Amino acid sequence: MRDYLKVDFIRFVPDRRCYDLGFDDFVVFSRNPERIEGDFIRGYLVEARDRKDLISKLRRARDEWIVGVIGDLRVLREAVMRKRVDVILDFCGRELDYNTVRFAREKDVAIEISLSSLLNSSGIGRVRQIEELKDLLRVIKKFDAPFVLTSGASDFYEMRPKRQILEFFDFLGFNIERAEYWLRRIIRRYRDPNYIMDGLEIEEIIEDPR
């Protein structure tokens, strides 16, 4: 069985160089996933202005797309309540409060923590962002909320090797094993035909050669 762990969440169509960084596959998030060429896992990036806009865009999601949402705090609060949403994507300026993280756990919606959002900040802004990330980590730990650690890259130059991403977030105190558990769980929903839910999957029947 594949481990479904060497996967990254990105915002562009990757080339061979990206695989050389230690990844087997990518979830490519786009506002128009049907236009993505190649055998990647398609991610539907939903950027919504308000509740009405969110619901309208979620109706366009195909069953085979992983759905990620960006928006202000009101949109994200609504997104974690929606069954069709898989992940709250990371972006500069994202706000998440205590209750949003709590409902993310109850509704099984993962929170993306990306290296890209830190790379795109500097100075006092980066220091403030790291402090906010540590606050978010405490709430995630409290509820055991789903989260994934990614590059979140918008181009190749924002990418980093898989090992480096995990080492950085391990230094900040994130539970790497738990992050990999949630990542595997999301990917298997869309890539493993035998997976139904945790603890329930179709076993492969091996015929007796006799």
N, C-alpha and C. Protein backbone atom coordinates (compact mmCIF):
# COMPACT_ATOMS: atom_id res chain seq x y z
N MET A 1 0.84 -1.20 0.00
CA MET A 1 0.00 0.00 0.00
C MET A 1 0.88 1.25 0.00
N ARG A 2 0.53 2.23 -0.82
CA ARG A 2 1.26 3.49 -0.82
C ARG A 2 1.04 4.22 0.50
N ASP A 3 2.07 5.01 0.91
CA ASP A 3 1.93 5.69 2.20
C ASP A 3 1.24 7.05 2.06
N TYR A 4 1.14 7.60 0.84
CA TYR A 4 0.42 8.86 0.60
C TYR A 4 0.96 10.00 1.45
N LEU A 5 2.26 10.00 1.71
CA LEU A 5 2.83 11.03 2.56
C LEU A 5 3.70 12.03 1.79
N LYS A 6 4.32 11.61 0.71
CA LYS A 6 5.23 12.50 0.00
C LYS A 6 4.45 13.36 -0.99
N VAL A 7 3.55 14.14 -0.42
CA VAL A 7 2.65 14.98 -1.21
C VAL A 7 2.75 16.41 -0.68
N ASP A 8 2.67 17.39 -1.60
CA ASP A 8 2.71 18.78 -1.20
C ASP A 8 1.48 19.50 -1.76
N PHE A 9 1.04 20.55 -1.07
CA PHE A 9 -0.03 21.41 -1.55
C PHE A 9 0.60 22.66 -2.18
N ILE A 10 0.33 22.89 -3.46
CA ILE A 10 0.93 24.03 -4.16
C ILE A 10 -0.11 24.76 -4.98
N ARG A 11 0.27 25.91 -5.54
CA ARG A 11 -0.67 26.76 -6.29
C ARG A 11 -0.22 26.95 -7.74
N PHE A 12 0.57 26.04 -8.28
CA PHE A 12 1.01 26.12 -9.66
C PHE A 12 1.23 24.70 -10.19
N VAL A 13 1.30 24.54 -11.49
CA VAL A 13 1.53 23.23 -12.09
C VAL A 13 3.03 22.92 -12.03
N PRO A 14 3.43 21.86 -11.34
CA PRO A 14 4.86 21.58 -11.12
C PRO A 14 5.53 20.95 -12.33
N ASP A 15 6.86 21.06 -12.36
CA ASP A 15 7.65 20.37 -13.37
C ASP A 15 8.58 19.37 -12.68
N ARG A 16 9.46 18.75 -13.43
CA ARG A 16 10.32 17.69 -12.90
C ARG A 16 11.15 18.15 -11.71
N ARG A 17 11.58 19.39 -11.69
CA ARG A 17 12.41 19.88 -10.59
C ARG A 17 11.71 19.72 -9.24
N CYS A 18 10.39 19.86 -9.25
CA CYS A 18 9.62 19.77 -7.99
C CYS A 18 9.67 18.36 -7.41
N TYR A 19 9.66 17.36 -8.26
CA TYR A 19 9.75 15.98 -7.78
C TYR A 19 11.12 15.70 -7.18
N ASP A 20 12.13 16.38 -7.66
CA ASP A 20 13.48 16.18 -7.14
C ASP A 20 13.64 16.64 -5.70
N LEU A 21 12.64 17.37 -5.19
CA LEU A 21 12.69 17.85 -3.81
C LEU A 21 12.13 16.83 -2.82
N GLY A 22 11.80 15.64 -3.31
CA GLY A 22 11.38 14.57 -2.40
C GLY A 22 9.90 14.30 -2.39
N PHE A 23 9.17 14.75 -3.41
CA PHE A 23 7.72 14.54 -3.48
C PHE A 23 7.37 13.53 -4.57
N ASP A 24 6.33 12.75 -4.29
CA ASP A 24 5.81 11.80 -5.27
C ASP A 24 4.60 12.36 -6.02
N ASP A 25 3.91 13.30 -5.39
CA ASP A 25 2.69 13.82 -5.99
C ASP A 25 2.39 15.19 -5.41
N PHE A 26 1.45 15.88 -6.04
CA PHE A 26 1.09 17.23 -5.62
C PHE A 26 -0.40 17.43 -5.70
N VAL A 27 -0.93 18.18 -4.73
CA VAL A 27 -2.28 18.71 -4.85
C VAL A 27 -2.12 20.11 -5.42
N VAL A 28 -2.57 20.30 -6.65
CA VAL A 28 -2.43 21.58 -7.33
C VAL A 28 -3.73 22.35 -7.17
N PHE A 29 -3.70 23.40 -6.35
CA PHE A 29 -4.89 24.20 -6.11
C PHE A 29 -5.01 25.30 -7.15
N SER A 30 -6.22 25.40 -7.72
CA SER A 30 -6.48 26.39 -8.76
C SER A 30 -7.95 26.81 -8.68
N ARG A 31 -8.22 28.03 -9.10
CA ARG A 31 -9.61 28.48 -9.19
C ARG A 31 -10.34 27.79 -10.33
N ASN A 32 -9.58 27.20 -11.26
CA ASN A 32 -10.16 26.48 -12.40
C ASN A 32 -9.47 25.12 -12.55
N PRO A 33 -9.76 24.17 -11.66
CA PRO A 33 -9.05 22.88 -11.68
C PRO A 33 -9.20 22.11 -12.99
N GLU A 34 -10.32 22.32 -13.71
CA GLU A 34 -10.52 21.58 -14.95
C GLU A 34 -9.50 21.96 -16.02
N ARG A 35 -8.82 23.07 -15.84
CA ARG A 35 -7.82 23.51 -16.81
C ARG A 35 -6.42 22.98 -16.49
N ILE A 36 -6.27 22.31 -15.37
CA ILE A 36 -4.96 21.78 -14.98
C ILE A 36 -4.63 20.58 -15.86
N GLU A 37 -3.47 20.62 -16.49
CA GLU A 37 -3.02 19.50 -17.31
C GLU A 37 -2.06 18.63 -16.53
N GLY A 38 -2.17 17.31 -16.73
CA GLY A 38 -1.30 16.38 -16.03
C GLY A 38 -2.06 15.56 -15.01
N ASP A 39 -1.43 14.49 -14.55
CA ASP A 39 -2.07 13.56 -13.62
C ASP A 39 -1.78 13.96 -12.18
N PHE A 40 -2.14 15.18 -11.84
CA PHE A 40 -1.97 15.65 -10.47
C PHE A 40 -3.30 15.50 -9.72
N ILE A 41 -3.23 15.60 -8.41
CA ILE A 41 -4.45 15.67 -7.62
C ILE A 41 -4.97 17.09 -7.75
N ARG A 42 -6.17 17.23 -8.23
CA ARG A 42 -6.70 18.57 -8.46
C ARG A 42 -7.31 19.15 -7.19
N GLY A 43 -6.89 20.37 -6.89
CA GLY A 43 -7.43 21.10 -5.76
C GLY A 43 -8.23 22.30 -6.25
N TYR A 44 -9.38 22.48 -5.68
CA TYR A 44 -10.26 23.60 -6.06
C TYR A 44 -10.06 24.71 -5.04
N LEU A 45 -9.46 25.83 -5.47
CA LEU A 45 -9.20 26.96 -4.59
C LEU A 45 -10.41 27.89 -4.63
N VAL A 46 -11.11 27.93 -3.52
CA VAL A 46 -12.32 28.76 -3.41
C VAL A 46 -11.98 30.02 -2.64
N GLU A 47 -11.96 31.14 -3.34
CA GLU A 47 -11.77 32.44 -2.69
C GLU A 47 -13.11 33.15 -2.64
N ALA A 48 -13.68 33.27 -1.45
CA ALA A 48 -15.04 33.78 -1.32
C ALA A 48 -15.08 35.10 -0.57
N ARG A 49 -16.02 35.96 -0.98
CA ARG A 49 -16.18 37.27 -0.34
C ARG A 49 -17.08 37.19 0.89
N ASP A 50 -18.07 36.29 0.82
CA ASP A 50 -19.04 36.18 1.91
C ASP A 50 -19.70 34.81 1.84
N ARG A 51 -20.68 34.57 2.71
CA ARG A 51 -21.34 33.27 2.80
C ARG A 51 -22.00 32.88 1.48
N LYS A 52 -22.70 33.82 0.87
CA LYS A 52 -23.40 33.54 -0.38
C LYS A 52 -22.43 33.15 -1.48
N ASP A 53 -21.34 33.88 -1.57
CA ASP A 53 -20.32 33.60 -2.58
C ASP A 53 -19.69 32.23 -2.34
N LEU A 54 -19.43 31.91 -1.08
CA LEU A 54 -18.85 30.62 -0.72
C LEU A 54 -19.75 29.47 -1.16
N ILE A 55 -21.02 29.54 -0.80
CA ILE A 55 -21.95 28.47 -1.14
C ILE A 55 -22.07 28.31 -2.65
N SER A 56 -22.13 29.43 -3.35
CA SER A 56 -22.24 29.39 -4.81
C SER A 56 -21.04 28.68 -5.44
N LYS A 57 -19.85 28.99 -4.97
CA LYS A 57 -18.65 28.39 -5.54
C LYS A 57 -18.49 26.93 -5.13
N LEU A 58 -18.92 26.57 -3.93
CA LEU A 58 -18.83 25.17 -3.51
C LEU A 58 -19.72 24.28 -4.36
N ARG A 59 -20.80 24.81 -4.87
CA ARG A 59 -21.70 24.02 -5.71
C ARG A 59 -21.04 23.59 -7.01
N ARG A 60 -19.98 24.27 -7.40
CA ARG A 60 -19.28 23.94 -8.65
C ARG A 60 -18.25 22.84 -8.45
N ALA A 61 -17.97 22.46 -7.21
CA ALA A 61 -16.91 21.50 -6.92
C ALA A 61 -17.28 20.10 -7.41
N ARG A 62 -16.35 19.47 -8.09
CA ARG A 62 -16.54 18.10 -8.52
C ARG A 62 -16.11 17.14 -7.42
N ASP A 63 -16.64 15.93 -7.46
CA ASP A 63 -16.37 14.96 -6.40
C ASP A 63 -14.89 14.62 -6.27
N GLU A 64 -14.15 14.68 -7.38
CA GLU A 64 -12.74 14.27 -7.35
C GLU A 64 -11.80 15.40 -6.96
N TRP A 65 -12.31 16.59 -6.67
CA TRP A 65 -11.46 17.71 -6.30
C TRP A 65 -11.35 17.84 -4.79
N ILE A 66 -10.14 18.08 -4.31
CA ILE A 66 -9.93 18.49 -2.92
C ILE A 66 -10.26 19.98 -2.85
N VAL A 67 -11.10 20.34 -1.91
CA VAL A 67 -11.59 21.73 -1.85
C VAL A 67 -10.90 22.49 -0.72
N GLY A 68 -10.25 23.59 -1.09
CA GLY A 68 -9.61 24.47 -0.11
C GLY A 68 -10.18 25.87 -0.20
N VAL A 69 -10.31 26.53 0.94
CA VAL A 69 -10.97 27.85 1.00
C VAL A 69 -10.03 28.90 1.56
N ILE A 70 -10.10 30.10 0.96
CA ILE A 70 -9.45 31.28 1.53
C ILE A 70 -10.50 32.39 1.61
N GLY A 71 -10.31 33.28 2.57
CA GLY A 71 -11.27 34.36 2.77
C GLY A 71 -11.06 34.98 4.13
N ASP A 72 -11.90 35.94 4.48
CA ASP A 72 -11.76 36.55 5.79
C ASP A 72 -12.32 35.62 6.87
N LEU A 73 -12.23 36.06 8.12
CA LEU A 73 -12.60 35.20 9.23
C LEU A 73 -14.05 34.74 9.15
N ARG A 74 -14.95 35.60 8.72
CA ARG A 74 -16.36 35.21 8.60
C ARG A 74 -16.54 34.09 7.58
N VAL A 75 -15.83 34.19 6.47
CA VAL A 75 -15.90 33.15 5.43
C VAL A 75 -15.33 31.83 5.96
N LEU A 76 -14.21 31.90 6.66
CA LEU A 76 -13.59 30.68 7.17
C LEU A 76 -14.44 30.02 8.25
N ARG A 77 -15.10 30.82 9.07
CA ARG A 77 -16.03 30.24 10.06
C ARG A 77 -17.13 29.46 9.37
N GLU A 78 -17.64 30.00 8.28
CA GLU A 78 -18.69 29.32 7.52
C GLU A 78 -18.12 28.10 6.80
N ALA A 79 -16.90 28.21 6.28
CA ALA A 79 -16.31 27.12 5.50
C ALA A 79 -16.12 25.85 6.33
N VAL A 80 -15.70 25.99 7.59
CA VAL A 80 -15.47 24.79 8.39
C VAL A 80 -16.76 24.05 8.71
N MET A 81 -17.89 24.69 8.50
CA MET A 81 -19.18 24.06 8.74
C MET A 81 -19.71 23.34 7.50
N ARG A 82 -19.02 23.49 6.39
CA ARG A 82 -19.49 22.94 5.12
C ARG A 82 -18.86 21.58 4.85
N LYS A 83 -19.69 20.58 4.62
CA LYS A 83 -19.22 19.21 4.41
C LYS A 83 -18.28 19.10 3.22
N ARG A 84 -18.47 19.92 2.21
CA ARG A 84 -17.68 19.80 0.97
C ARG A 84 -16.28 20.38 1.11
N VAL A 85 -16.00 21.08 2.18
CA VAL A 85 -14.68 21.71 2.36
C VAL A 85 -13.72 20.73 3.02
N ASP A 86 -12.53 20.59 2.43
CA ASP A 86 -11.51 19.68 2.98
C ASP A 86 -10.45 20.40 3.80
N VAL A 87 -10.11 21.63 3.39
CA VAL A 87 -8.98 22.31 4.03
C VAL A 87 -9.16 23.82 3.99
N ILE A 88 -8.76 24.47 5.08
CA ILE A 88 -8.64 25.92 5.12
C ILE A 88 -7.21 26.24 4.69
N LEU A 89 -7.06 26.84 3.53
CA LEU A 89 -5.73 27.10 2.98
C LEU A 89 -5.03 28.24 3.71
N ASP A 90 -3.71 28.19 3.68
CA ASP A 90 -2.90 29.23 4.31
C ASP A 90 -2.67 30.37 3.32
N PHE A 91 -2.60 31.57 3.82
CA PHE A 91 -2.30 32.74 3.00
C PHE A 91 -1.91 33.88 3.93
N CYS A 92 -1.18 34.84 3.39
CA CYS A 92 -0.75 35.98 4.20
C CYS A 92 -1.96 36.75 4.71
N GLY A 93 -1.99 37.00 6.00
CA GLY A 93 -3.10 37.74 6.58
C GLY A 93 -4.27 36.87 7.02
N ARG A 94 -4.13 35.56 6.95
CA ARG A 94 -5.23 34.70 7.37
C ARG A 94 -5.52 34.87 8.86
N GLU A 95 -6.79 34.91 9.21
CA GLU A 95 -7.21 34.98 10.60
C GLU A 95 -7.99 33.72 10.95
N LEU A 96 -7.63 33.11 12.07
CA LEU A 96 -8.36 31.96 12.60
C LEU A 96 -8.56 32.18 14.09
N ASP A 97 -9.78 32.01 14.57
CA ASP A 97 -10.00 32.17 15.99
C ASP A 97 -10.25 30.81 16.65
N TYR A 98 -10.42 30.85 17.96
CA TYR A 98 -10.57 29.65 18.78
C TYR A 98 -11.72 28.78 18.30
N ASN A 99 -12.86 29.37 18.07
CA ASN A 99 -14.04 28.59 17.70
C ASN A 99 -13.92 27.99 16.30
N THR A 100 -13.26 28.70 15.39
CA THR A 100 -13.08 28.17 14.04
C THR A 100 -12.24 26.90 14.07
N VAL A 101 -11.17 26.91 14.86
CA VAL A 101 -10.32 25.72 15.00
C VAL A 101 -11.10 24.58 15.66
N ARG A 102 -11.89 24.92 16.66
CA ARG A 102 -12.68 23.89 17.35
C ARG A 102 -13.67 23.22 16.39
N PHE A 103 -14.35 24.03 15.59
CA PHE A 103 -15.29 23.46 14.63
C PHE A 103 -14.58 22.72 13.50
N ALA A 104 -13.36 23.13 13.17
CA ALA A 104 -12.59 22.40 12.17
C ALA A 104 -12.35 20.97 12.63
N ARG A 105 -12.11 20.81 13.92
CA ARG A 105 -11.95 19.45 14.47
C ARG A 105 -13.26 18.68 14.41
N GLU A 106 -14.35 19.31 14.81
CA GLU A 106 -15.63 18.62 14.84
C GLU A 106 -16.11 18.25 13.44
N LYS A 107 -15.81 19.10 12.46
CA LYS A 107 -16.30 18.88 11.09
C LYS A 107 -15.25 18.24 10.18
N ASP A 108 -14.09 17.90 10.74
CA ASP A 108 -13.05 17.20 9.99
C ASP A 108 -12.54 18.04 8.80
N VAL A 109 -12.24 19.29 9.06
CA VAL A 109 -11.66 20.18 8.05
C VAL A 109 -10.23 20.51 8.47
N ALA A 110 -9.27 20.24 7.60
CA ALA A 110 -7.86 20.44 7.95
C ALA A 110 -7.47 21.91 7.80
N ILE A 111 -6.48 22.31 8.58
CA ILE A 111 -5.91 23.65 8.51
C ILE A 111 -4.52 23.53 7.90
N GLU A 112 -4.30 24.21 6.79
CA GLU A 112 -2.98 24.18 6.17
C GLU A 112 -2.05 25.17 6.87
N ILE A 113 -0.84 24.69 7.18
CA ILE A 113 0.22 25.54 7.70
C ILE A 113 1.33 25.49 6.66
N SER A 114 1.58 26.61 6.00
CA SER A 114 2.52 26.59 4.88
C SER A 114 3.78 27.40 5.17
N LEU A 115 4.88 26.95 4.57
CA LEU A 115 6.14 27.67 4.69
C LEU A 115 6.10 28.94 3.85
N SER A 116 5.34 28.92 2.77
CA SER A 116 5.29 30.07 1.85
C SER A 116 4.83 31.35 2.53
N SER A 117 3.85 31.23 3.43
CA SER A 117 3.34 32.43 4.09
C SER A 117 4.41 33.11 4.93
N LEU A 118 5.37 32.32 5.45
CA LEU A 118 6.48 32.90 6.21
C LEU A 118 7.55 33.45 5.28
N LEU A 119 7.80 32.76 4.17
CA LEU A 119 8.80 33.23 3.22
C LEU A 119 8.42 34.58 2.61
N ASN A 120 7.12 34.84 2.52
CA ASN A 120 6.65 36.08 1.91
C ASN A 120 6.49 37.22 2.90
N SER A 121 6.98 37.02 4.10
CA SER A 121 6.99 38.09 5.09
C SER A 121 8.44 38.34 5.53
N SER A 122 8.68 39.45 6.19
CA SER A 122 10.04 39.76 6.63
C SER A 122 10.00 40.67 7.84
N GLY A 123 11.13 40.77 8.52
CA GLY A 123 11.28 41.69 9.64
C GLY A 123 10.28 41.47 10.75
N ILE A 124 9.71 42.57 11.25
CA ILE A 124 8.74 42.51 12.34
C ILE A 124 7.52 41.70 11.93
N GLY A 125 7.13 41.80 10.65
CA GLY A 125 5.98 41.06 10.17
C GLY A 125 6.16 39.56 10.31
N ARG A 126 7.36 39.07 10.01
CA ARG A 126 7.63 37.64 10.15
C ARG A 126 7.65 37.22 11.61
N VAL A 127 8.23 38.06 12.46
CA VAL A 127 8.25 37.74 13.91
C VAL A 127 6.83 37.65 14.44
N ARG A 128 6.00 38.60 14.06
CA ARG A 128 4.61 38.60 14.50
C ARG A 128 3.88 37.36 13.97
N GLN A 129 4.18 36.99 12.75
CA GLN A 129 3.52 35.83 12.15
C GLN A 129 3.91 34.54 12.86
N ILE A 130 5.16 34.42 13.24
CA ILE A 130 5.61 33.23 13.97
C ILE A 130 4.92 33.16 15.33
N GLU A 131 4.78 34.31 16.00
CA GLU A 131 4.08 34.32 17.29
C GLU A 131 2.62 33.91 17.12
N GLU A 132 1.97 34.38 16.07
CA GLU A 132 0.59 34.00 15.80
C GLU A 132 0.49 32.50 15.48
N LEU A 133 1.51 32.00 14.80
CA LEU A 133 1.54 30.58 14.46
C LEU A 133 1.66 29.73 15.73
N LYS A 134 2.44 30.18 16.69
CA LYS A 134 2.57 29.46 17.96
C LYS A 134 1.25 29.47 18.73
N ASP A 135 0.53 30.60 18.67
CA ASP A 135 -0.79 30.65 19.30
C ASP A 135 -1.75 29.66 18.64
N LEU A 136 -1.70 29.61 17.31
CA LEU A 136 -2.54 28.67 16.57
C LEU A 136 -2.19 27.23 16.93
N LEU A 137 -0.90 26.96 17.08
CA LEU A 137 -0.45 25.63 17.45
C LEU A 137 -1.05 25.18 18.78
N ARG A 138 -1.11 26.09 19.75
CA ARG A 138 -1.68 25.74 21.06
C ARG A 138 -3.15 25.35 20.94
N VAL A 139 -3.89 26.05 20.11
CA VAL A 139 -5.31 25.73 19.94
C VAL A 139 -5.47 24.41 19.17
N ILE A 140 -4.64 24.20 18.16
CA ILE A 140 -4.68 22.94 17.41
C ILE A 140 -4.42 21.76 18.33
N LYS A 141 -3.41 21.91 19.20
CA LYS A 141 -3.09 20.84 20.16
C LYS A 141 -4.25 20.60 21.12
N LYS A 142 -4.87 21.66 21.57
CA LYS A 142 -5.97 21.54 22.54
C LYS A 142 -7.10 20.68 22.00
N PHE A 143 -7.45 20.88 20.74
CA PHE A 143 -8.58 20.15 20.15
C PHE A 143 -8.16 18.97 19.28
N ASP A 144 -6.85 18.77 19.10
CA ASP A 144 -6.34 17.78 18.16
C ASP A 144 -6.99 18.02 16.79
N ALA A 145 -6.97 19.28 16.36
CA ALA A 145 -7.58 19.65 15.08
C ALA A 145 -6.73 19.16 13.92
N PRO A 146 -7.36 18.79 12.81
CA PRO A 146 -6.60 18.35 11.64
C PRO A 146 -5.75 19.49 11.08
N PHE A 147 -4.51 19.20 10.72
CA PHE A 147 -3.66 20.20 10.09
C PHE A 147 -2.65 19.51 9.19
N VAL A 148 -2.19 20.23 8.17
CA VAL A 148 -1.18 19.70 7.25
C VAL A 148 -0.07 20.72 7.10
N LEU A 149 1.15 20.25 6.93
CA LEU A 149 2.33 21.09 6.80
C LEU A 149 2.80 21.03 5.35
N THR A 150 2.80 22.17 4.66
CA THR A 150 3.08 22.19 3.23
C THR A 150 4.02 23.34 2.87
N SER A 151 4.43 23.35 1.60
CA SER A 151 5.17 24.52 1.12
C SER A 151 4.19 25.64 0.80
N GLY A 152 2.99 25.29 0.29
CA GLY A 152 2.02 26.30 -0.13
C GLY A 152 2.56 27.19 -1.24
N ALA A 153 3.50 26.65 -2.01
CA ALA A 153 4.25 27.47 -2.98
C ALA A 153 3.40 27.92 -4.16
N SER A 154 3.68 29.14 -4.62
CA SER A 154 3.04 29.68 -5.82
C SER A 154 3.94 29.55 -7.04
N ASP A 155 5.20 29.17 -6.83
CA ASP A 155 6.12 28.88 -7.93
C ASP A 155 7.24 28.01 -7.38
N PHE A 156 8.10 27.54 -8.27
CA PHE A 156 9.14 26.60 -7.86
C PHE A 156 10.07 27.21 -6.81
N TYR A 157 10.33 28.51 -6.90
CA TYR A 157 11.31 29.14 -6.02
C TYR A 157 10.82 29.28 -4.59
N GLU A 158 9.53 29.09 -4.36
CA GLU A 158 9.01 29.08 -3.00
C GLU A 158 9.01 27.67 -2.39
N MET A 159 9.33 26.68 -3.20
CA MET A 159 9.33 25.31 -2.71
C MET A 159 10.59 25.00 -1.92
N ARG A 160 10.48 24.01 -1.03
CA ARG A 160 11.61 23.52 -0.27
C ARG A 160 11.49 21.99 -0.20
N PRO A 161 12.61 21.30 0.05
CA PRO A 161 12.52 19.84 0.17
C PRO A 161 11.55 19.43 1.28
N LYS A 162 10.90 18.32 1.08
CA LYS A 162 9.94 17.80 2.07
C LYS A 162 10.58 17.74 3.45
N ARG A 163 11.80 17.19 3.53
CA ARG A 163 12.48 17.05 4.81
C ARG A 163 12.68 18.40 5.49
N GLN A 164 13.04 19.41 4.72
CA GLN A 164 13.30 20.74 5.28
C GLN A 164 12.02 21.37 5.83
N ILE A 165 10.93 21.17 5.14
CA ILE A 165 9.64 21.70 5.61
C ILE A 165 9.28 21.11 6.96
N LEU A 166 9.41 19.78 7.06
CA LEU A 166 9.05 19.11 8.31
C LEU A 166 9.99 19.48 9.44
N GLU A 167 11.28 19.61 9.15
CA GLU A 167 12.24 19.97 10.19
C GLU A 167 11.97 21.37 10.73
N PHE A 168 11.59 22.29 9.86
CA PHE A 168 11.31 23.65 10.29
C PHE A 168 10.11 23.68 11.24
N PHE A 169 9.03 23.02 10.85
CA PHE A 169 7.84 23.04 11.69
C PHE A 169 8.00 22.20 12.96
N ASP A 170 8.84 21.19 12.89
CA ASP A 170 9.17 20.42 14.10
C ASP A 170 9.89 21.33 15.10
N PHE A 171 10.77 22.18 14.60
CA PHE A 171 11.49 23.14 15.46
C PHE A 171 10.51 24.08 16.16
N LEU A 172 9.42 24.46 15.47
CA LEU A 172 8.42 25.36 16.06
C LEU A 172 7.50 24.64 17.04
N GLY A 173 7.56 23.31 17.07
CA GLY A 173 6.77 22.57 18.05
C GLY A 173 5.61 21.78 17.49
N PHE A 174 5.46 21.74 16.16
CA PHE A 174 4.36 20.99 15.57
C PHE A 174 4.63 19.48 15.63
N ASN A 175 3.58 18.72 15.86
CA ASN A 175 3.67 17.26 15.91
C ASN A 175 3.70 16.73 14.48
N ILE A 176 4.87 16.34 14.01
CA ILE A 176 5.03 15.92 12.62
C ILE A 176 4.25 14.65 12.32
N GLU A 177 4.27 13.70 13.24
CA GLU A 177 3.53 12.45 13.01
C GLU A 177 2.04 12.72 12.86
N ARG A 178 1.53 13.64 13.65
CA ARG A 178 0.11 13.96 13.57
C ARG A 178 -0.21 14.67 12.25
N ALA A 179 0.66 15.57 11.83
CA ALA A 179 0.46 16.26 10.56
C ALA A 179 0.44 15.26 9.40
N GLU A 180 1.35 14.29 9.44
CA GLU A 180 1.41 13.29 8.37
C GLU A 180 0.19 12.37 8.39
N TYR A 181 -0.33 12.11 9.58
CA TYR A 181 -1.57 11.32 9.69
C TYR A 181 -2.72 12.03 8.96
N TRP A 182 -2.88 13.32 9.21
CA TRP A 182 -3.98 14.05 8.59
C TRP A 182 -3.78 14.19 7.09
N LEU A 183 -2.52 14.37 6.67
CA LEU A 183 -2.24 14.45 5.24
C LEU A 183 -2.62 13.15 4.54
N ARG A 184 -2.16 12.04 5.10
CA ARG A 184 -2.47 10.74 4.50
C ARG A 184 -3.98 10.54 4.41
N ARG A 185 -4.67 10.95 5.43
CA ARG A 185 -6.12 10.76 5.49
C ARG A 185 -6.83 11.52 4.37
N ILE A 186 -6.41 12.76 4.14
CA ILE A 186 -7.02 13.55 3.08
C ILE A 186 -6.74 12.94 1.71
N ILE A 187 -5.48 12.59 1.45
CA ILE A 187 -5.11 12.09 0.13
C ILE A 187 -5.78 10.75 -0.15
N ARG A 188 -5.89 9.90 0.85
CA ARG A 188 -6.49 8.59 0.61
C ARG A 188 -7.97 8.70 0.24
N ARG A 189 -8.64 9.73 0.71
CA ARG A 189 -10.05 9.91 0.34
C ARG A 189 -10.20 10.01 -1.18
N TYR A 190 -9.18 10.57 -1.83
CA TYR A 190 -9.29 10.86 -3.26
C TYR A 190 -8.44 9.95 -4.14
N ARG A 191 -7.45 9.28 -3.56
CA ARG A 191 -6.55 8.48 -4.37
C ARG A 191 -6.59 6.98 -4.08
N ASP A 192 -7.09 6.57 -2.95
CA ASP A 192 -7.08 5.15 -2.59
C ASP A 192 -8.48 4.58 -2.79
N PRO A 193 -8.69 3.73 -3.81
CA PRO A 193 -10.03 3.20 -4.07
C PRO A 193 -10.54 2.26 -2.98
N ASN A 194 -9.63 1.79 -2.12
CA ASN A 194 -10.04 0.87 -1.04
C ASN A 194 -10.42 1.59 0.25
N TYR A 195 -10.14 2.89 0.29
CA TYR A 195 -10.38 3.64 1.53
C TYR A 195 -11.81 4.14 1.60
N ILE A 196 -12.48 3.86 2.70
CA ILE A 196 -13.83 4.37 2.94
C ILE A 196 -13.79 5.41 4.05
N MET A 197 -13.27 5.01 5.20
CA MET A 197 -13.05 5.91 6.33
C MET A 197 -12.07 5.22 7.26
N ASP A 198 -11.60 5.94 8.29
CA ASP A 198 -10.67 5.34 9.23
C ASP A 198 -11.28 4.08 9.84
N GLY A 199 -10.53 2.98 9.76
CA GLY A 199 -11.01 1.74 10.34
C GLY A 199 -11.94 0.96 9.44
N LEU A 200 -12.24 1.50 8.26
CA LEU A 200 -13.14 0.81 7.34
C LEU A 200 -12.62 0.98 5.92
N GLU A 201 -12.07 -0.09 5.38
CA GLU A 201 -11.58 -0.06 4.02
C GLU A 201 -11.71 -1.44 3.40
N ILE A 202 -11.71 -1.48 2.09
CA ILE A 202 -11.87 -2.73 1.36
C ILE A 202 -10.54 -3.46 1.32
N GLU A 203 -10.54 -4.71 1.75
CA GLU A 203 -9.32 -5.49 1.73
C GLU A 203 -9.16 -6.14 0.36
N GLU A 204 -7.91 -6.14 -0.11
CA GLU A 204 -7.63 -6.78 -1.39
C GLU A 204 -7.68 -8.28 -1.23
N ILE A 205 -8.43 -8.95 -2.08
CA ILE A 205 -8.57 -10.40 -2.03
C ILE A 205 -7.51 -11.04 -2.92
N ILE A 206 -6.69 -11.88 -2.34
CA ILE A 206 -5.63 -12.56 -3.08
C ILE A 206 -6.09 -13.98 -3.36
N GLU A 207 -6.18 -14.34 -4.64
CA GLU A 207 -6.67 -15.65 -5.01
C GLU A 207 -5.63 -16.73 -4.70
N ASP A 208 -6.11 -17.88 -4.24
CA ASP A 208 -5.26 -19.03 -3.94
C ASP A 208 -4.75 -19.59 -5.26
N PRO A 209 -3.42 -19.62 -5.48
CA PRO A 209 -2.88 -20.10 -6.74
C PRO A 209 -3.15 -21.58 -7.00
N ARG A 210 -3.57 -22.31 -5.95
CA ARG A 210 -3.87 -23.72 -6.16
C ARG A 210 -5.18 -23.89 -6.90
